[in-house]
C-alpha atoms as a PDB file:
ATOM      1  CA  MET A   1     171.718 159.773 120.709  1.00  0.00           C
ATOM      2  CA  ARG A   2     173.442 157.255 123.578  1.00  0.00           C
ATOM      3  CA  SER A   3     175.257 160.046 126.030  1.00  0.00           C
ATOM      4  CA  ILE A   4     178.234 157.074 125.860  1.00  0.00           C
ATOM      5  CA  PHE A   5     180.074 156.300 123.585  1.00  0.00           C
ATOM      6  CA  ARG A   6     182.634 152.878 124.187  1.00  0.00           C
ATOM      7  CA  PHE A   7     185.716 152.164 122.158  1.00  0.00           C
ATOM      8  CA  LYS A   8     188.048 149.073 122.273  1.00  0.00           C
ATOM      9  CA  GLN A   9     190.630 150.693 124.818  1.00  0.00           C
ATOM     10  CA  PHE A  10     188.233 154.119 125.981  1.00  0.00           C
ATOM     11  CA  GLU A  11     185.635 155.098 125.970  1.00  0.00           C
ATOM     12  CA  VAL A  12     183.727 158.739 125.077  1.00  0.00           C
ATOM     13  CA  ASP A  13     180.683 160.905 127.231  1.00  0.00           C
ATOM     14  CA  GLN A  14     179.034 163.249 124.843  1.00  0.00           C
ATOM     15  CA  GLY A  15     176.361 164.348 127.324  1.00  0.00           C
ATOM     16  CA  ASN A  16     176.884 168.175 127.382  1.00  0.00           C
ATOM     17  CA  CYS A  17     178.931 168.492 123.723  1.00  0.00           C
ATOM     18  CA  ALA A  18     177.520 170.465 121.139  1.00  0.00           C
ATOM     19  CA  MET A  19     178.453 168.477 118.718  1.00  0.00           C
ATOM     20  CA  LYS A  20     178.637 164.523 119.258  1.00  0.00           C
ATOM     21  CA  ILE A  21     180.849 162.057 117.923  1.00  0.00           C
ATOM     22  CA  ASN A  22     180.864 162.031 113.926  1.00  0.00           C
ATOM     23  CA  THR A  23     181.401 159.819 111.094  1.00  0.00           C
ATOM     24  CA  ASP A  24     184.223 162.468 110.199  1.00  0.00           C
ATOM     25  CA  GLY A  25     185.684 162.607 113.599  1.00  0.00           C
ATOM     26  CA  VAL A  26     186.514 159.360 113.477  1.00  0.00           C
ATOM     27  CA  LEU A  27     187.176 158.745 109.543  1.00  0.00           C
ATOM     28  CA  LEU A  28     190.404 161.493 110.331  1.00  0.00           C
ATOM     29  CA  GLY A  29     191.009 159.948 114.361  1.00  0.00           C
ATOM     30  CA  GLY A  30     191.321 156.937 111.614  1.00  0.00           C
ATOM     31  CA  ALA A  31     192.918 157.613 108.804  1.00  0.00           C
ATOM     32  CA  THR A  32     195.835 159.736 111.173  1.00  0.00           C
ATOM     33  CA  CYS A  33     199.267 157.579 111.088  1.00  0.00           C
ATOM     34  CA  PHE A  34     202.567 159.560 111.827  1.00  0.00           C
ATOM     35  CA  PRO A  35     204.383 157.121 113.886  1.00  0.00           C
ATOM     36  CA  GLU A  36     207.571 159.353 114.339  1.00  0.00           C
ATOM     37  CA  ALA A  37     205.181 162.243 116.180  1.00  0.00           C
ATOM     38  CA  GLU A  38     206.407 162.669 119.553  1.00  0.00           C
ATOM     39  CA  ARG A  39     203.955 165.903 120.413  1.00  0.00           C
ATOM     40  CA  ILE A  40     200.593 165.943 118.322  1.00  0.00           C
ATOM     41  CA  LEU A  41     197.832 168.992 118.923  1.00  0.00           C
ATOM     42  CA  ASP A  42     194.187 168.574 118.826  1.00  0.00           C
ATOM     43  CA  ILE A  43     192.109 171.427 117.459  1.00  0.00           C
ATOM     44  CA  GLY A  44     189.030 172.064 118.160  1.00  0.00           C
ATOM     45  CA  THR A  45     188.848 168.408 120.119  1.00  0.00           C
ATOM     46  CA  GLY A  46     185.213 168.487 120.967  1.00  0.00           C
ATOM     47  CA  THR A  47     184.393 165.251 122.807  1.00  0.00           C
ATOM     48  CA  GLY A  48     188.735 164.706 122.560  1.00  0.00           C
ATOM     49  CA  VAL A  49     187.596 161.256 120.551  1.00  0.00           C
ATOM     50  CA  ILE A  50     190.484 162.096 117.840  1.00  0.00           C
ATOM     51  CA  ALA A  51     192.882 163.056 120.376  1.00  0.00           C
ATOM     52  CA  LEU A  52     192.299 159.503 122.166  1.00  0.00           C
ATOM     53  CA  MET A  53     192.305 157.513 119.329  1.00  0.00           C
ATOM     54  CA  LEU A  54     196.098 159.595 118.058  1.00  0.00           C
ATOM     55  CA  ALA A  55     196.539 158.735 121.950  1.00  0.00           C
ATOM     56  CA  GLN A  56     195.741 154.989 121.395  1.00  0.00           C
ATOM     57  CA  SER A  57     197.550 154.940 118.522  1.00  0.00           C
ATOM     58  CA  HIS A  58     200.812 157.001 118.970  1.00  0.00           C
ATOM     59  CA  PRO A  59     202.071 155.114 122.474  1.00  0.00           C
ATOM     60  CA  ARG A  60     204.770 157.438 122.215  1.00  0.00           C
ATOM     61  CA  ALA A  61     202.980 160.445 122.004  1.00  0.00           C
ATOM     62  CA  HIS A  62     201.624 163.314 124.199  1.00  0.00           C
ATOM     63  CA  VAL A  63     198.872 164.583 123.120  1.00  0.00           C
ATOM     64  CA  ASP A  64     197.547 168.476 123.492  1.00  0.00           C
ATOM     65  CA  ALA A  65     193.724 169.367 122.332  1.00  0.00           C
ATOM     66  CA  VAL A  66     192.278 172.701 122.542  1.00  0.00           C
ATOM     67  CA  GLU A  67     188.137 173.034 122.646  1.00  0.00           C
ATOM     68  CA  ILE A  68     186.815 176.627 123.317  1.00  0.00           C
ATOM     69  CA  ASP A  69     183.255 175.401 124.090  1.00  0.00           C
ATOM     70  CA  GLU A  70     183.882 175.737 127.888  1.00  0.00           C
ATOM     71  CA  ASN A  71     180.984 172.701 128.312  1.00  0.00           C
ATOM     72  CA  ALA A  72     183.007 170.345 125.152  1.00  0.00           C
ATOM     73  CA  TYR A  73     186.362 172.014 126.809  1.00  0.00           C
ATOM     74  CA  GLN A  74     185.112 169.794 130.656  1.00  0.00           C
ATOM     75  CA  GLN A  75     183.979 167.059 128.840  1.00  0.00           C
ATOM     76  CA  ALA A  76     186.858 166.155 126.990  1.00  0.00           C
ATOM     77  CA  LYS A  77     189.023 167.084 130.121  1.00  0.00           C
ATOM     78  CA  ILE A  78     186.998 164.496 132.283  1.00  0.00           C
ATOM     79  CA  ASN A  79     186.989 161.880 129.018  1.00  0.00           C
ATOM     80  CA  PHE A  80     190.979 161.569 128.872  1.00  0.00           C
ATOM     81  CA  GLN A  81     191.478 161.536 132.773  1.00  0.00           C
ATOM     82  CA  ASN A  82     188.687 158.627 132.908  1.00  0.00           C
ATOM     83  CA  SER A  83     191.023 157.313 129.608  1.00  0.00           C
ATOM     84  CA  ASP A  84     194.133 155.158 130.294  1.00  0.00           C
ATOM     85  CA  PHE A  85     196.004 157.630 127.715  1.00  0.00           C
ATOM     86  CA  ALA A  86     195.433 160.156 130.923  1.00  0.00           C
ATOM     87  CA  LYS A  87     199.040 160.955 131.521  1.00  0.00           C
ATOM     88  CA  ARG A  88     199.669 161.797 127.753  1.00  0.00           C
ATOM     89  CA  LEU A  89     196.717 164.133 127.183  1.00  0.00           C
ATOM     90  CA  GLN A  90     196.261 167.534 127.949  1.00  0.00           C
ATOM     91  CA  ALA A  91     193.165 169.931 127.421  1.00  0.00           C
ATOM     92  CA  PHE A  92     193.369 173.289 127.165  1.00  0.00           C
ATOM     93  CA  PRO A  93     190.267 175.740 126.933  1.00  0.00           C
ATOM     94  CA  GLY A  94     190.158 178.271 124.606  1.00  0.00           C
ATOM     95  CA  SER A  95     190.852 179.457 120.716  1.00  0.00           C
ATOM     96  CA  PHE A  96     193.766 178.007 119.235  1.00  0.00           C
ATOM     97  CA  ALA A  97     194.738 181.216 118.458  1.00  0.00           C
ATOM     98  CA  GLU A  98     194.809 182.337 122.019  1.00  0.00           C
ATOM     99  CA  MET A  99     197.814 179.232 122.529  1.00  0.00           C
ATOM    100  CA  GLN A 100     201.251 180.176 123.226  1.00  0.00           C
ATOM    101  CA  PRO A 101     203.411 176.915 123.016  1.00  0.00           C
ATOM    102  CA  GLN A 102     206.742 176.610 124.225  1.00  0.00           C
ATOM    103  CA  TYR A 103     207.484 173.547 121.101  1.00  0.00           C
ATOM    104  CA  LEU A 104     206.411 172.935 118.315  1.00  0.00           C
ATOM    105  CA  TYR A 105     204.224 169.848 116.994  1.00  0.00           C
ATOM    106  CA  ASP A 106     205.140 166.598 114.515  1.00  0.00           C
ATOM    107  CA  LEU A 107     201.489 166.504 114.319  1.00  0.00           C
ATOM    108  CA  ILE A 108     198.618 168.636 114.671  1.00  0.00           C
ATOM    109  CA  VAL A 109     195.028 167.495 113.589  1.00  0.00           C
ATOM    110  CA  SER A 110     191.439 169.413 112.690  1.00  0.00           C
ATOM    111  CA  ASN A 111     187.908 168.331 112.178  1.00  0.00           C
ATOM    112  CA  PRO A 112     186.906 171.906 111.721  1.00  0.00           C
ATOM    113  CA  PRO A 113     183.739 173.720 111.236  1.00  0.00           C
ATOM    114  CA  PHE A 114     183.043 173.881 107.761  1.00  0.00           C
ATOM    115  CA  TYR A 115     179.533 175.315 107.011  1.00  0.00           C
ATOM    116  CA  THR A 116     181.261 178.383 105.210  1.00  0.00           C
ATOM    117  CA  ASN A 117     178.486 181.039 103.960  1.00  0.00           C
ATOM    118  CA  SER A 118     175.992 178.971 105.070  1.00  0.00           C
ATOM    119  CA  LEU A 119     172.487 179.544 106.609  1.00  0.00           C
ATOM    120  CA  HIS A 120     172.195 181.013 109.992  1.00  0.00           C
ATOM    121  CA  ASN A 121     172.363 178.223 112.537  1.00  0.00           C
ATOM    122  CA  PRO A 122     170.007 178.407 115.068  1.00  0.00           C
ATOM    123  CA  ASP A 123     171.940 176.643 117.990  1.00  0.00           C
ATOM    124  CA  ALA A 124     174.512 179.299 119.659  1.00  0.00           C
ATOM    125  CA  ARG A 125     176.970 176.039 120.232  1.00  0.00           C
ATOM    126  CA  LYS A 126     176.039 174.299 117.207  1.00  0.00           C
ATOM    127  CA  ARG A 127     176.524 177.368 115.401  1.00  0.00           C
ATOM    128  CA  LEU A 128     180.083 177.848 117.162  1.00  0.00           C
ATOM    129  CA  ALA A 129     180.852 174.342 116.080  1.00  0.00           C
ATOM    130  CA  LYS A 130     180.081 173.969 112.542  1.00  0.00           C
ATOM    131  CA  HIS A 131     179.834 177.989 111.201  1.00  0.00           C
ATOM    132  CA  THR A 132     182.852 179.855 110.167  1.00  0.00           C
ATOM    133  CA  ASP A 133     184.479 181.785 107.046  1.00  0.00           C
ATOM    134  CA  ILE A 134     187.527 181.408 105.211  1.00  0.00           C
ATOM    135  CA  LEU A 135     188.745 184.089 108.185  1.00  0.00           C
ATOM    136  CA  PHE A 136     188.913 180.994 110.579  1.00  0.00           C
ATOM    137  CA  PHE A 137     191.080 178.970 107.777  1.00  0.00           C
ATOM    138  CA  LYS A 138     193.700 181.844 107.432  1.00  0.00           C
ATOM    139  CA  ARG A 139     193.737 181.822 110.779  1.00  0.00           C
ATOM    140  CA  LEU A 140     194.142 178.180 111.533  1.00  0.00           C
ATOM    141  CA  LEU A 141     196.671 177.565 108.509  1.00  0.00           C
ATOM    142  CA  SER A 142     198.783 180.758 110.235  1.00  0.00           C
ATOM    143  CA  PHE A 143     199.175 179.094 113.325  1.00  0.00           C
ATOM    144  CA  VAL A 144     199.504 175.518 111.492  1.00  0.00           C
ATOM    145  CA  SER A 145     202.681 177.210 109.810  1.00  0.00           C
ATOM    146  CA  TYR A 146     204.455 178.185 112.542  1.00  0.00           C
ATOM    147  CA  TYR A 147     203.906 175.874 115.244  1.00  0.00           C
ATOM    148  CA  LEU A 148     204.190 173.224 112.733  1.00  0.00           C
ATOM    149  CA  THR A 149     207.831 171.378 112.420  1.00  0.00           C
ATOM    150  CA  ASP A 150     209.927 171.000 109.492  1.00  0.00           C
ATOM    151  CA  ASN A 151     208.976 167.704 108.788  1.00  0.00           C
ATOM    152  CA  GLY A 152     205.422 167.854 110.973  1.00  0.00           C
ATOM    153  CA  GLN A 153     202.023 167.101 108.976  1.00  0.00           C
ATOM    154  CA  PHE A 154     198.696 168.784 109.353  1.00  0.00           C
ATOM    155  CA  ARG A 155     195.604 166.765 108.743  1.00  0.00           C
ATOM    156  CA  LEU A 156     192.537 168.144 108.195  1.00  0.00           C
ATOM    157  CA  ILE A 157     189.309 166.548 107.455  1.00  0.00           C
ATOM    158  CA  ILE A 158     186.736 169.177 104.941  1.00  0.00           C
ATOM    159  CA  PRO A 159     184.373 169.658 102.474  1.00  0.00           C
ATOM    160  CA  THR A 160     185.537 168.199  99.122  1.00  0.00           C
ATOM    161  CA  VAL A 161     184.662 171.891  97.513  1.00  0.00           C
ATOM    162  CA  LEU A 162     185.797 173.894 100.189  1.00  0.00           C
ATOM    163  CA  ALA A 163     189.108 172.580  99.917  1.00  0.00           C
ATOM    164  CA  ASP A 164     189.699 172.615  96.165  1.00  0.00           C
ATOM    165  CA  GLU A 165     187.949 176.175  95.787  1.00  0.00           C
ATOM    166  CA  GLU A 166     188.919 177.929  98.977  1.00  0.00           C
ATOM    167  CA  ILE A 167     191.985 175.968 100.832  1.00  0.00           C
ATOM    168  CA  ALA A 168     193.898 174.982  98.373  1.00  0.00           C
ATOM    169  CA  PRO A 169     194.151 178.455  96.516  1.00  0.00           C
ATOM    170  CA  ILE A 170     195.797 180.012  99.482  1.00  0.00           C
ATOM    171  CA  LEU A 171     197.992 177.359 101.221  1.00  0.00           C
ATOM    172  CA  SER A 172     201.120 178.722  99.650  1.00  0.00           C
ATOM    173  CA  ASP A 173     200.908 182.036 101.185  1.00  0.00           C
ATOM    174  CA  TYR A 174     201.573 180.151 104.262  1.00  0.00           C
ATOM    175  CA  GLN A 175     204.801 178.112 102.895  1.00  0.00           C
ATOM    176  CA  LEU A 176     202.393 175.020 103.499  1.00  0.00           C
ATOM    177  CA  HIS A 177     201.689 171.858 100.644  1.00  0.00           C
ATOM    178  CA  VAL A 178     199.347 169.197 100.260  1.00  0.00           C
ATOM    179  CA  GLN A 179     201.507 165.864 100.240  1.00  0.00           C
ATOM    180  CA  HIS A 180     199.218 163.402 101.221  1.00  0.00           C
ATOM    181  CA  GLU A 181     195.114 163.023 100.346  1.00  0.00           C
ATOM    182  CA  MET A 182     192.396 161.014 101.383  1.00  0.00           C
ATOM    183  CA  ARG A 183     189.468 161.305  99.060  1.00  0.00           C
ATOM    184  CA  ILE A 184     186.197 160.369 100.816  1.00  0.00           C
ATOM    185  CA  SER A 185     182.990 159.366  98.625  1.00  0.00           C
ATOM    186  CA  SER A 186     179.566 156.872 100.332  1.00  0.00           C
ATOM    187  CA  PHE A 187     179.878 154.494  97.787  1.00  0.00           C
ATOM    188  CA  SER A 188     182.648 153.235  95.345  1.00  0.00           C
ATOM    189  CA  GLY A 189     182.909 155.326  92.500  1.00  0.00           C
ATOM    190  CA  GLU A 190     180.752 158.490  93.436  1.00  0.00           C
ATOM    191  CA  LEU A 191     182.626 161.696  93.527  1.00  0.00           C
ATOM    192  CA  PRO A 192     183.978 162.311  96.891  1.00  0.00           C
ATOM    193  CA  MET A 193     181.854 164.149  99.676  1.00  0.00           C
ATOM    194  CA  ARG A 194     185.287 165.025 102.155  1.00  0.00           C
ATOM    195  CA  LYS A 195     189.065 164.644 101.718  1.00  0.00           C
ATOM    196  CA  ILE A 196     191.783 164.236 104.320  1.00  0.00           C
ATOM    197  CA  TRP A 197     194.364 166.284 104.020  1.00  0.00           C
ATOM    198  CA  GLY A 198     198.103 165.715 104.980  1.00  0.00           C
ATOM    199  CA  ILE A 199     199.684 168.973 104.766  1.00  0.00           C
ATOM    200  CA  GLY A 200     203.640 169.921 105.121  1.00  0.00           C
ATOM    201  CA  LYS A 201     205.812 172.682 104.633  1.00  0.00           C
ATOM    202  CA  LYS A 202     207.848 170.499 101.848  1.00  0.00           C
ATOM    203  CA  VAL A 203     207.224 169.982  98.704  1.00  0.00           C
ATOM    204  CA  VAL A 204     206.452 166.260  98.151  1.00  0.00           C
ATOM    205  CA  PRO A 205     205.278 163.633  95.371  1.00  0.00           C
ATOM    206  CA  LEU A 206     201.201 164.000  96.497  1.00  0.00           C
ATOM    207  CA  GLU A 207     199.644 160.597  97.371  1.00  0.00           C
ATOM    208  CA  ILE A 208     196.312 160.152  96.976  1.00  0.00           C
ATOM    209  CA  HIS A 209     193.848 157.547  98.267  1.00  0.00           C
ATOM    210  CA  ASP A 210     190.286 156.689  97.566  1.00  0.00           C
ATOM    211  CA  PHE A 211     188.325 155.405 100.354  1.00  0.00           C
ATOM    212  CA  ALA A 212     184.370 154.190 100.378  1.00  0.00           C
ATOM    213  CA  ILE A 213     182.727 154.345 103.804  1.00  0.00           C
ATOM    214  CA  TYR A 214     179.682 152.097 102.505  1.00  0.00           C
ATOM    215  CA  ALA A 215     180.212 148.807 100.059  1.00  0.00           C
ATOM    216  CA  GLU A 216     176.578 148.730  99.289  1.00  0.00           C
ATOM    217  CA  LYS A 217     173.226 150.421 101.735  1.00  0.00           C
ATOM    218  CA  GLY A 218     173.575 149.390 105.233  1.00  0.00           C
ATOM    219  CA  THR A 219     176.638 147.833 105.231  1.00  0.00           C
ATOM    220  CA  TYR A 220     180.208 149.405 105.760  1.00  0.00           C
ATOM    221  CA  SER A 221     183.021 149.005 103.099  1.00  0.00           C
ATOM    222  CA  ALA A 222     185.695 146.624 104.138  1.00  0.00           C
ATOM    223  CA  GLN A 223     187.786 149.889 103.460  1.00  0.00           C
ATOM    224  CA  TYR A 224     186.497 151.182 106.920  1.00  0.00           C
ATOM    225  CA  SER A 225     186.504 148.278 109.102  1.00  0.00           C
ATOM    226  CA  ALA A 226     190.106 147.852 108.229  1.00  0.00           C
ATOM    227  CA  LEU A 227     190.521 151.142 109.190  1.00  0.00           C
ATOM    228  CA  LEU A 228     188.327 151.476 112.677  1.00  0.00           C
ATOM    229  CA  LYS A 229     189.045 147.741 113.608  1.00  0.00           C
ATOM    230  CA  PRO A 230     191.747 149.272 116.275  1.00  0.00           C
ATOM    231  CA  TYR A 231     188.822 151.098 117.706  1.00  0.00           C
ATOM    232  CA  PHE A 232     184.893 149.947 117.173  1.00  0.00           C
ATOM    233  CA  LEU A 233     183.515 147.761 119.252  1.00  0.00           C
ATOM    234  CA  ALA A 234     181.689 146.685 115.783  1.00  0.00           C
ATOM    235  CA  PHE A 235     184.683 145.063 114.112  1.00  0.00           C
END
């Protein structure tokens, strides 16, 4: 896989990151729009691609990004410094649980690890990036409930089964509620394999949006192309 991934307004060097740019990450970055956001946090930023996409789409916002893997943190920091949004981006090393922000966030995003109860991953850095259990999500939701503004939103992308069977039942424990649901399938009419949830502190009518990545095998859908056109050189 190539080291440099070029977007329309920035580029991402991913050579030192265990987890490369992937469909989940760019879908989350492209689908997240919260115009009123002034402070944004990307949890588990990896290469920094989601933070960079949000810095592009939210020109008034300051974007913080935290990454537990030291190599990925260093890579994200360099990617931020090399972008036109450098003054509005800041990378932090370590776990989100170690953060003690002096302010609340209007928007928090995460493309979290989700191989819950999966087989042990032999690559230590990939295991750190992709292997977790429900305790991780409990810590994540606790953090979000404390540092999200009352009118803010937490956006995350997760597998449908994990969302419905493990995350949904515990949201109310943290006074959080699903406000927006984007159901992602490979092709129109298929069962969704992923969900992007917009979670907030207020109970509001749930908005549901179906999204197909492909129109047919080898051809991206009009939805996918439109969503990522502001970012991808190919569209």
